[in-house]
Amino acid sequence: MSLLIDNEPRDYDWGTPGGIARLRGVPSRRFHSAGAFVASEVSAKTSASAADSSVPMPAEAEPEAELWLGTHPTWPSVVVDGPYEGETLPEALRQLGRPAEIGYLFKLLSVDRPLSVQVHPDADQANEGFVLENAMNVPLKAAVRNYRDPNAKPEMVYALSESFDLLAGFRDPEAVIADVELILRSCQSRTEEIIWLELLHALVEDDPIEAAVRWMLQDDAVFGRALANQMHTRFTGGFGVCANERDEVLRRLDEHYPGDRGVPFGLLLRHETLERGQSIYLRPRTPHCYLHGTGLELMGPSDNVLRAGLTSKHVDDHEFLKVLDFEPSAPKHLYEYHKNDVVEVQAEGAGLRLTFTHVSDGQRARVPFHDGDIAYVMHHHGDGRLLIRDADGAHLTVGEGQAAVLVDARELHIVAPEQGHATVVVAGRDS
């Protein structure tokens, strides 16, 4: 039988206040932190930074960064209806005689300010790190834990907001050198000039990007912090850094993290902007940093993150450098495949798949799916609903902002209100 699921949003500090509730059109609920189902209180006051002004949020709403839909052991979804209500999704699947792991993690994202410069390991690196930290008896939920599972984390991001900004993949060394040379022409002191010359010297080594990153992060990122402080001095003094479009990225990082060791990565990483409906694939070992926007994220079933800056969380330079792919490369923009009311986006090679079915004005459409997928009905300010018929004859209705795991489902239909729209996105991973 298919299972209606929910979860408590992760309250990371880069999230939008009340952002996940606005995105879904329903109040968020507390499961893991409160130990019970407690609906978030709402008031007539609204937050201008939230995604959907039709759902009121307290003026002091907590940041809501991510909603996890899946079976990951550190923050599993919870069944919220039917005979398994109150069970975590892994436990409910076990009781149904199914594997407790669905093989992927589906997220809703609400990014209000830049999050960490980070990278995820490939399968071999993840397994090695997980086994080693287990042998060292590092608690699974410890703040200093790097590898919380033995899995790789390929991921794809689909933009829901008008634009979704991110940094991903290293730039060509020549482009970075050109920007550093621009900076050197406008240095105001010998001290400032020396630190930028040091970066330039690293960028003319045989492996320029690797040399630059290792130089920035050595000795607890003493040189990375020095670069960041020089940038902050320029911005607060009314000057730019590169005097070109790269300054927009650097200014945003400096505004939220002045003097932080991660700010200089804004020079080294490619700036990508996704328009609404566009998506991108990030393979493991690709450095990246989300800047702003709301979206959907589909990934391997992993929470392994190695960070280098722009965060209050644990930073491990040794592991970050060990996992990182230093080769300059652009992330892969994904194509959409259209068939009637259905649009599918695939990250080939990783097996990740998002399928959108859209109807309007009382229309009804059959929804393609695979067993074990998660179906999420997007919020359109109406009464759109997904109708699920399972093999045992049971029926489940999923409303806007709700999600279900498809277990032995036989038919799915999305139904639009008489006036308005309805969209269901089905997330899954092909074996």
Protein backbone atom coordinates (compact mmCIF):
# COMPACT_ATOMS: atom_id res chain seq x y z
CA MET A 1 0.00 0.00 0.00
CA SER A 2 1.18 3.52 -0.78
CA LEU A 3 2.11 5.69 2.20
CA LEU A 4 1.38 9.37 2.85
CA ILE A 5 4.57 10.89 4.31
CA ASP A 6 5.81 14.17 5.77
CA ASN A 7 8.88 15.44 7.58
CA GLU A 8 10.16 18.28 9.71
CA PRO A 9 12.11 20.88 7.69
CA ARG A 10 15.82 21.16 8.43
CA ASP A 11 16.42 24.51 10.14
CA TYR A 12 19.85 25.28 8.69
CA ASP A 13 20.72 28.96 9.04
CA TRP A 14 20.83 29.55 5.27
CA GLY A 15 17.16 28.62 4.87
CA THR A 16 14.29 31.04 4.26
CA PRO A 17 12.19 31.90 7.34
CA GLY A 18 9.05 29.80 6.89
CA GLY A 19 10.27 28.98 3.38
CA ILE A 20 9.27 25.31 3.15
CA ALA A 21 5.79 25.99 4.54
CA ARG A 22 5.32 28.74 1.94
CA LEU A 23 6.57 26.51 -0.86
CA ARG A 24 4.16 23.72 0.10
CA GLY A 25 1.22 25.91 1.07
CA VAL A 26 0.80 24.05 4.39
CA PRO A 27 2.20 24.63 7.90
CA SER A 28 5.33 22.68 8.75
CA ARG A 29 5.15 19.98 11.40
CA ARG A 30 7.63 18.91 14.05
CA PHE A 31 8.59 15.25 14.28
CA HIS A 32 12.25 14.77 15.16
CA SER A 33 12.89 17.80 17.40
CA ALA A 34 9.56 17.69 19.27
CA GLY A 35 9.01 13.94 19.22
CA ALA A 36 5.38 14.42 18.19
CA PHE A 37 3.20 15.92 15.50
CA VAL A 38 3.01 19.63 16.31
CA ALA A 39 1.79 22.03 13.62
CA SER A 40 3.80 25.25 13.39
CA GLU A 41 1.82 28.21 14.62
CA VAL A 42 0.96 30.83 12.04
CA SER A 43 -0.18 34.43 12.32
CA ALA A 44 -1.42 37.18 10.06
CA LYS A 45 2.07 38.66 9.86
CA THR A 46 4.11 37.63 6.83
CA SER A 47 7.77 37.46 5.95
CA ALA A 48 8.75 39.19 2.71
CA SER A 49 11.57 36.71 2.07
CA ALA A 50 9.30 33.67 2.00
CA ALA A 51 8.27 32.03 -1.25
CA ASP A 52 4.47 32.21 -1.22
CA SER A 53 2.63 35.15 0.32
CA SER A 54 -0.71 33.31 0.48
CA VAL A 55 0.39 31.23 3.47
CA PRO A 56 0.90 33.42 6.57
CA MET A 57 4.07 32.92 8.59
CA PRO A 58 5.18 34.46 11.87
CA ALA A 59 7.43 37.49 11.44
CA GLU A 60 10.05 35.60 13.50
CA ALA A 61 9.62 32.26 11.70
CA GLU A 62 12.53 29.84 11.97
CA PRO A 63 14.69 29.22 8.90
CA GLU A 64 13.39 26.31 6.83
CA ALA A 65 16.10 25.14 4.45
CA GLU A 66 15.22 21.62 3.29
CA LEU A 67 12.39 19.11 3.48
CA TRP A 68 13.74 15.56 3.28
CA LEU A 69 11.50 12.94 1.67
CA GLY A 70 13.11 9.55 1.99
CA THR A 71 14.57 6.94 4.30
CA HIS A 72 17.94 8.41 5.29
CA PRO A 73 18.57 7.27 8.89
CA THR A 74 19.63 10.68 10.21
CA TRP A 75 16.30 12.36 9.29
CA PRO A 76 13.76 9.85 7.88
CA SER A 77 10.30 10.81 6.69
CA VAL A 78 7.32 9.86 8.85
CA VAL A 79 4.06 8.18 7.79
CA VAL A 80 1.16 10.53 8.61
CA ASP A 81 -1.96 8.50 7.73
CA GLY A 82 -3.30 4.96 7.68
CA PRO A 83 -2.35 1.91 9.75
CA TYR A 84 1.35 2.89 9.88
CA GLU A 85 0.74 6.47 11.04
CA GLY A 86 3.53 7.64 13.35
CA GLU A 87 6.11 5.14 12.08
CA THR A 88 9.24 6.32 10.33
CA LEU A 89 9.23 5.46 6.65
CA PRO A 90 12.01 2.82 6.99
CA GLU A 91 10.08 1.06 9.77
CA ALA A 92 6.80 1.14 7.82
CA LEU A 93 8.52 -0.33 4.77
CA ARG A 94 10.01 -3.11 6.91
CA GLN A 95 6.57 -3.97 8.25
CA LEU A 96 5.31 -4.14 4.67
CA GLY A 97 8.05 -6.63 3.85
CA ARG A 98 9.95 -4.13 1.72
CA PRO A 99 13.58 -2.96 1.86
CA ALA A 100 13.95 -0.15 4.40
CA GLU A 101 16.07 1.92 1.99
CA ILE A 102 14.56 3.40 -1.18
CA GLY A 103 17.91 4.23 -2.81
CA TYR A 104 17.55 8.00 -3.19
CA LEU A 105 16.70 11.17 -1.27
CA PHE A 106 14.23 13.77 -2.56
CA LYS A 107 14.33 17.31 -1.13
CA LEU A 108 12.52 20.61 -1.32
CA LEU A 109 15.00 23.51 -1.05
CA SER A 110 14.52 27.10 0.10
CA VAL A 111 17.86 28.96 -0.06
CA ASP A 112 17.77 32.47 1.40
CA ARG A 113 21.54 33.05 1.55
CA PRO A 114 24.66 31.20 0.37
CA LEU A 115 25.35 27.88 1.99
CA SER A 116 28.71 26.22 2.43
CA VAL A 117 31.35 25.60 -0.20
CA GLN A 118 31.10 21.83 -0.25
CA VAL A 119 31.80 18.59 -2.06
CA HIS A 120 30.41 15.04 -1.83
CA PRO A 121 32.44 11.83 -2.11
CA ASP A 122 32.09 9.13 -4.73
CA ALA A 123 31.08 5.59 -3.71
CA ASP A 124 34.60 4.33 -2.93
CA GLN A 125 35.52 7.43 -0.93
CA ALA A 126 32.24 7.35 1.00
CA ASN A 127 32.59 3.69 1.94
CA GLU A 128 36.22 4.12 3.01
CA GLY A 129 35.43 7.18 5.14
CA PHE A 130 32.34 5.60 6.70
CA VAL A 131 34.21 2.44 7.71
CA LEU A 132 37.13 4.45 9.12
CA GLU A 133 34.95 6.77 11.23
CA ASN A 134 32.99 3.78 12.52
CA ALA A 135 36.26 2.13 13.54
CA MET A 136 37.21 5.36 15.33
CA ASN A 137 33.85 5.26 17.19
CA VAL A 138 32.78 8.69 15.93
CA PRO A 139 29.03 8.95 16.75
CA LEU A 140 26.86 8.96 13.63
CA LYS A 141 25.25 12.30 14.53
CA ALA A 142 28.40 13.95 15.91
CA ALA A 143 29.08 17.43 14.55
CA VAL A 144 32.60 16.37 13.54
CA ARG A 145 31.39 13.34 11.60
CA ASN A 146 32.16 13.61 7.85
CA TYR A 147 30.76 10.32 6.56
CA ARG A 148 27.28 9.51 7.89
CA ASP A 149 26.67 6.68 5.42
CA PRO A 150 28.66 4.60 2.90
CA ASN A 151 26.92 6.08 -0.16
CA ALA A 152 27.85 8.39 -3.02
CA LYS A 153 25.86 11.57 -3.49
CA PRO A 154 25.22 12.46 -7.14
CA GLU A 155 22.56 15.16 -7.25
CA MET A 156 20.33 17.09 -9.61
CA VAL A 157 18.66 20.43 -8.91
CA TYR A 158 15.47 21.71 -10.57
CA ALA A 159 14.62 25.42 -10.24
CA LEU A 160 11.15 26.33 -8.94
CA SER A 161 11.83 30.04 -8.36
CA GLU A 162 12.23 32.53 -11.19
CA SER A 163 15.96 31.94 -10.90
CA PHE A 164 18.22 29.64 -8.86
CA ASP A 165 21.82 30.80 -8.45
CA LEU A 166 24.73 28.54 -7.61
CA LEU A 167 28.48 28.11 -7.93
CA ALA A 168 29.54 24.73 -9.33
CA GLY A 169 32.73 23.32 -10.84
CA PHE A 170 36.06 25.07 -11.21
CA ARG A 171 36.60 27.80 -13.79
CA ASP A 172 39.37 27.60 -16.37
CA PRO A 173 42.64 28.83 -14.82
CA GLU A 174 43.02 31.46 -17.54
CA ALA A 175 39.75 33.12 -16.50
CA VAL A 176 40.81 33.21 -12.84
CA ILE A 177 44.24 34.60 -13.76
CA ALA A 178 42.61 37.37 -15.81
CA ASP A 179 40.52 38.42 -12.79
CA VAL A 180 43.52 38.34 -10.44
CA GLU A 181 45.49 40.52 -12.86
CA LEU A 182 42.61 43.02 -12.84
CA ILE A 183 42.74 43.07 -9.04
CA LEU A 184 46.51 43.63 -9.03
CA ARG A 185 46.13 46.74 -11.19
CA SER A 186 44.04 48.42 -8.50
CA CYS A 187 45.83 47.36 -5.31
CA GLN A 188 46.03 50.17 -2.77
CA SER A 189 49.00 48.90 -0.75
CA ARG A 190 52.04 46.67 -0.97
CA THR A 191 50.50 44.34 1.62
CA GLU A 192 47.41 43.87 -0.53
CA GLU A 193 49.53 43.39 -3.65
CA ILE A 194 51.64 40.66 -2.03
CA ILE A 195 48.70 38.41 -1.12
CA TRP A 196 47.25 38.60 -4.65
CA LEU A 197 50.67 37.95 -6.18
CA GLU A 198 50.92 34.80 -4.05
CA LEU A 199 47.62 33.58 -5.50
CA LEU A 200 48.81 34.43 -9.01
CA HIS A 201 52.01 32.42 -8.45
CA ALA A 202 49.93 29.40 -7.45
CA LEU A 203 47.81 29.78 -10.58
CA VAL A 204 50.83 29.39 -12.88
CA GLU A 205 51.88 26.05 -11.35
CA ASP A 206 51.55 22.81 -13.36
CA ASP A 207 48.18 22.06 -11.69
CA PRO A 208 46.98 25.63 -11.17
CA ILE A 209 43.56 25.12 -9.59
CA GLU A 210 44.80 22.46 -7.18
CA ALA A 211 47.82 24.61 -6.28
CA ALA A 212 45.59 27.63 -5.63
CA VAL A 213 43.11 25.71 -3.44
CA ARG A 214 45.84 24.02 -1.40
CA TRP A 215 47.58 27.38 -0.91
CA MET A 216 44.34 29.02 0.24
CA LEU A 217 43.54 26.26 2.75
CA GLN A 218 46.97 25.60 4.23
CA ASP A 219 47.53 26.34 7.94
CA ASP A 220 43.80 26.57 8.72
CA ALA A 221 43.17 28.67 5.59
CA VAL A 222 45.38 31.56 6.69
CA PHE A 223 45.78 32.78 3.10
CA GLY A 224 42.14 32.20 2.21
CA ARG A 225 41.13 34.37 5.16
CA ALA A 226 43.66 37.02 4.11
CA LEU A 227 42.15 37.16 0.62
CA ALA A 228 38.65 37.38 2.09
CA ASN A 229 39.68 40.25 4.38
CA GLN A 230 41.17 42.13 1.44
CA MET A 231 37.91 41.70 -0.49
CA HIS A 232 35.89 42.90 2.49
CA THR A 233 38.08 46.00 2.81
CA ARG A 234 37.49 46.80 -0.84
CA PHE A 235 33.72 46.37 -0.63
CA THR A 236 33.33 48.38 2.58
CA GLY A 237 35.51 51.11 1.07
CA GLY A 238 33.16 51.45 -1.86
CA PHE A 239 35.44 49.67 -4.33
CA GLY A 240 34.88 46.52 -6.32
CA VAL A 241 37.26 43.58 -6.41
CA CYS A 242 37.46 42.58 -10.07
CA ALA A 243 35.43 45.50 -11.47
CA ASN A 244 33.40 43.08 -13.61
CA GLU A 245 30.40 40.74 -13.28
CA ARG A 246 32.34 38.46 -10.90
CA ASP A 247 31.96 41.18 -8.24
CA GLU A 248 28.25 40.37 -7.94
CA VAL A 249 29.10 36.88 -6.68
CA LEU A 250 31.92 38.02 -4.40
CA ARG A 251 29.84 40.84 -2.93
CA ARG A 252 27.02 38.42 -2.08
CA LEU A 253 29.43 36.05 -0.31
CA ASP A 254 31.14 38.92 1.53
CA GLU A 255 27.81 40.41 2.62
CA HIS A 256 26.84 37.23 4.47
CA TYR A 257 30.29 35.91 5.44
CA PRO A 258 32.75 38.84 5.74
CA GLY A 259 36.32 37.61 6.09
CA ASP A 260 35.31 33.96 5.75
CA ARG A 261 37.80 31.44 4.36
CA GLY A 262 35.22 30.36 1.78
CA VAL A 263 34.71 33.75 0.10
CA PRO A 264 37.71 33.41 -2.30
CA PHE A 265 36.07 30.31 -3.80
CA GLY A 266 33.79 32.84 -5.49
CA LEU A 267 36.77 33.57 -7.75
CA LEU A 268 37.51 29.92 -8.52
CA LEU A 269 34.05 28.42 -9.11
CA ARG A 270 31.73 28.83 -12.10
CA HIS A 271 28.60 30.92 -11.60
CA GLU A 272 25.44 29.25 -12.92
CA THR A 273 21.90 30.66 -13.01
CA LEU A 274 18.99 28.31 -13.63
CA GLU A 275 15.73 29.79 -14.86
CA ARG A 276 12.46 28.33 -13.58
CA GLY A 277 12.05 24.82 -14.98
CA GLN A 278 15.74 24.31 -15.75
CA SER A 279 17.87 21.70 -14.03
CA ILE A 280 21.50 20.79 -13.55
CA TYR A 281 23.43 17.65 -12.57
CA LEU A 282 26.34 17.65 -10.12
CA ARG A 283 28.39 14.48 -10.11
CA PRO A 284 30.23 13.42 -6.92
CA ARG A 285 33.48 15.31 -6.18
CA THR A 286 32.18 18.50 -7.85
CA PRO A 287 32.68 21.59 -5.62
CA HIS A 288 29.55 23.72 -5.34
CA CYS A 289 27.71 26.34 -3.34
CA TYR A 290 24.02 27.22 -3.67
CA LEU A 291 23.47 30.98 -3.51
CA HIS A 292 19.74 31.71 -3.65
CA GLY A 293 16.43 30.28 -4.83
CA THR A 294 13.85 27.56 -4.30
CA GLY A 295 13.98 24.21 -6.01
CA LEU A 296 13.75 20.44 -5.98
CA GLU A 297 16.82 18.32 -5.32
CA LEU A 298 17.12 14.61 -6.09
CA MET A 299 20.23 12.72 -5.03
CA GLY A 300 21.75 9.48 -3.91
CA PRO A 301 20.73 8.40 -0.38
CA SER A 302 23.56 10.23 1.33
CA ASP A 303 24.31 13.00 3.81
CA ASN A 304 28.09 13.00 3.31
CA VAL A 305 29.29 16.60 3.04
CA LEU A 306 32.86 17.92 3.17
CA ARG A 307 32.97 21.70 3.69
CA ALA A 308 35.63 24.36 3.15
CA GLY A 309 33.92 27.54 4.33
CA LEU A 310 30.81 29.78 4.42
CA THR A 311 29.42 27.74 7.30
CA SER A 312 29.21 27.43 11.06
CA LYS A 313 29.37 23.64 10.68
CA HIS A 314 32.38 21.35 10.84
CA VAL A 315 35.16 22.07 8.32
CA ASP A 316 37.75 19.41 7.48
CA ASP A 317 40.34 20.68 5.00
CA HIS A 318 42.15 17.36 4.75
CA GLU A 319 39.05 15.40 3.73
CA PHE A 320 37.77 18.23 1.51
CA LEU A 321 41.03 18.21 -0.47
CA LYS A 322 41.08 14.41 -0.56
CA VAL A 323 37.60 14.16 -2.12
CA LEU A 324 37.79 17.17 -4.46
CA ASP A 325 38.11 16.89 -8.25
CA PHE A 326 40.34 19.82 -9.24
CA GLU A 327 39.76 19.56 -12.98
CA PRO A 328 37.96 22.61 -14.42
CA SER A 329 34.56 21.49 -15.68
CA ALA A 330 31.06 22.84 -16.17
CA PRO A 331 28.14 21.04 -14.50
CA LYS A 332 25.77 19.31 -16.89
CA HIS A 333 22.55 21.11 -17.77
CA LEU A 334 19.80 18.54 -18.25
CA TYR A 335 17.38 18.23 -21.15
CA GLU A 336 13.62 17.89 -20.79
CA TYR A 337 11.75 15.11 -22.58
CA HIS A 338 8.15 16.07 -23.46
CA LYS A 339 5.23 13.75 -24.15
CA ASN A 340 1.70 15.19 -24.00
CA ASP A 341 1.16 16.47 -20.42
CA VAL A 342 4.37 14.84 -19.14
CA VAL A 343 7.87 16.30 -18.86
CA GLU A 344 10.76 14.10 -17.72
CA VAL A 345 14.23 15.18 -16.63
CA GLN A 346 16.94 12.55 -16.24
CA ALA A 347 20.49 12.54 -14.93
CA GLU A 348 21.73 9.70 -17.09
CA GLY A 349 24.44 7.60 -15.54
CA ALA A 350 23.23 8.41 -12.03
CA GLY A 351 19.74 7.01 -12.70
CA LEU A 352 18.06 10.06 -11.15
CA ARG A 353 14.66 10.94 -12.63
CA LEU A 354 12.03 13.67 -12.14
CA THR A 355 8.72 13.39 -14.01
CA PHE A 356 6.20 16.26 -14.07
CA THR A 357 2.56 15.83 -15.08
CA HIS A 358 0.52 19.03 -15.41
CA VAL A 359 -3.22 19.55 -15.97
CA SER A 360 -5.58 22.52 -15.73
CA ASP A 361 -9.26 23.53 -15.51
CA GLY A 362 -10.85 20.25 -14.43
CA GLN A 363 -8.61 18.04 -16.56
CA ARG A 364 -7.47 14.62 -15.41
CA ALA A 365 -4.36 12.78 -16.60
CA ARG A 366 -2.69 9.46 -15.99
CA VAL A 367 0.69 9.79 -14.25
CA PRO A 368 3.68 7.59 -15.18
CA PHE A 369 5.63 6.11 -12.26
CA HIS A 370 7.79 3.24 -11.02
CA ASP A 371 7.27 1.22 -7.87
CA GLY A 372 9.12 2.86 -4.97
CA ASP A 373 8.93 6.39 -6.41
CA ILE A 374 7.86 9.40 -4.35
CA ALA A 375 5.01 11.55 -5.70
CA TYR A 376 4.74 15.17 -4.54
CA VAL A 377 1.78 17.41 -5.47
CA MET A 378 2.99 20.96 -6.02
CA HIS A 379 1.26 23.98 -4.49
CA HIS A 380 -0.82 26.00 -7.00
CA HIS A 381 -3.23 27.82 -4.61
CA GLY A 382 -6.04 25.44 -5.51
CA ASP A 383 -7.50 22.01 -4.94
CA GLY A 384 -5.29 19.89 -7.17
CA ARG A 385 -5.04 16.29 -6.03
CA LEU A 386 -3.40 13.00 -6.89
CA LEU A 387 -5.50 9.83 -6.83
CA ILE A 388 -3.62 6.59 -6.17
CA ARG A 389 -5.08 3.10 -6.60
CA ASP A 390 -2.98 0.28 -5.17
CA ALA A 391 -2.84 -3.40 -6.16
CA ASP A 392 -4.94 -4.39 -3.13
CA GLY A 393 -7.72 -2.01 -4.21
CA ALA A 394 -6.90 0.63 -1.59
CA HIS A 395 -7.17 4.28 -2.59
CA LEU A 396 -5.11 7.25 -1.38
CA THR A 397 -5.69 10.93 -2.13
CA VAL A 398 -2.69 13.26 -1.99
CA GLY A 399 -3.42 16.99 -1.79
CA GLU A 400 -1.32 20.01 -2.67
CA GLY A 401 1.90 20.20 -0.66
CA GLN A 402 1.68 16.51 0.29
CA ALA A 403 3.81 13.52 -0.72
CA ALA A 404 3.44 9.75 -0.89
CA VAL A 405 5.72 6.77 -1.42
CA LEU A 406 4.31 4.48 -4.10
CA VAL A 407 4.20 0.91 -2.81
CA ASP A 408 2.46 -1.63 -5.08
CA ALA A 409 0.55 1.19 -6.79
CA ARG A 410 -1.35 0.35 -9.96
CA GLU A 411 -2.73 3.67 -11.21
CA LEU A 412 -2.06 7.35 -10.57
CA HIS A 413 -4.20 10.23 -11.84
CA ILE A 414 -3.65 13.94 -11.29
CA VAL A 415 -6.86 16.02 -11.19
CA ALA A 416 -7.02 19.80 -11.58
CA PRO A 417 -9.66 22.04 -9.97
CA GLU A 418 -12.38 23.41 -12.25
CA GLN A 419 -10.46 26.66 -12.50
CA GLY A 420 -6.75 26.36 -11.89
CA HIS A 421 -3.79 24.05 -12.26
CA ALA A 422 -2.42 20.85 -10.76
CA THR A 423 1.09 19.43 -11.04
CA VAL A 424 2.57 16.26 -9.61
CA VAL A 425 6.28 15.55 -9.66
CA VAL A 426 7.36 11.92 -9.36
CA ALA A 427 10.92 11.39 -8.14
CA GLY A 428 12.84 8.16 -8.37
CA ARG A 429 16.05 6.42 -9.24
CA ASP A 430 16.42 3.72 -11.86
CA SER A 431 18.55 0.74 -10.86
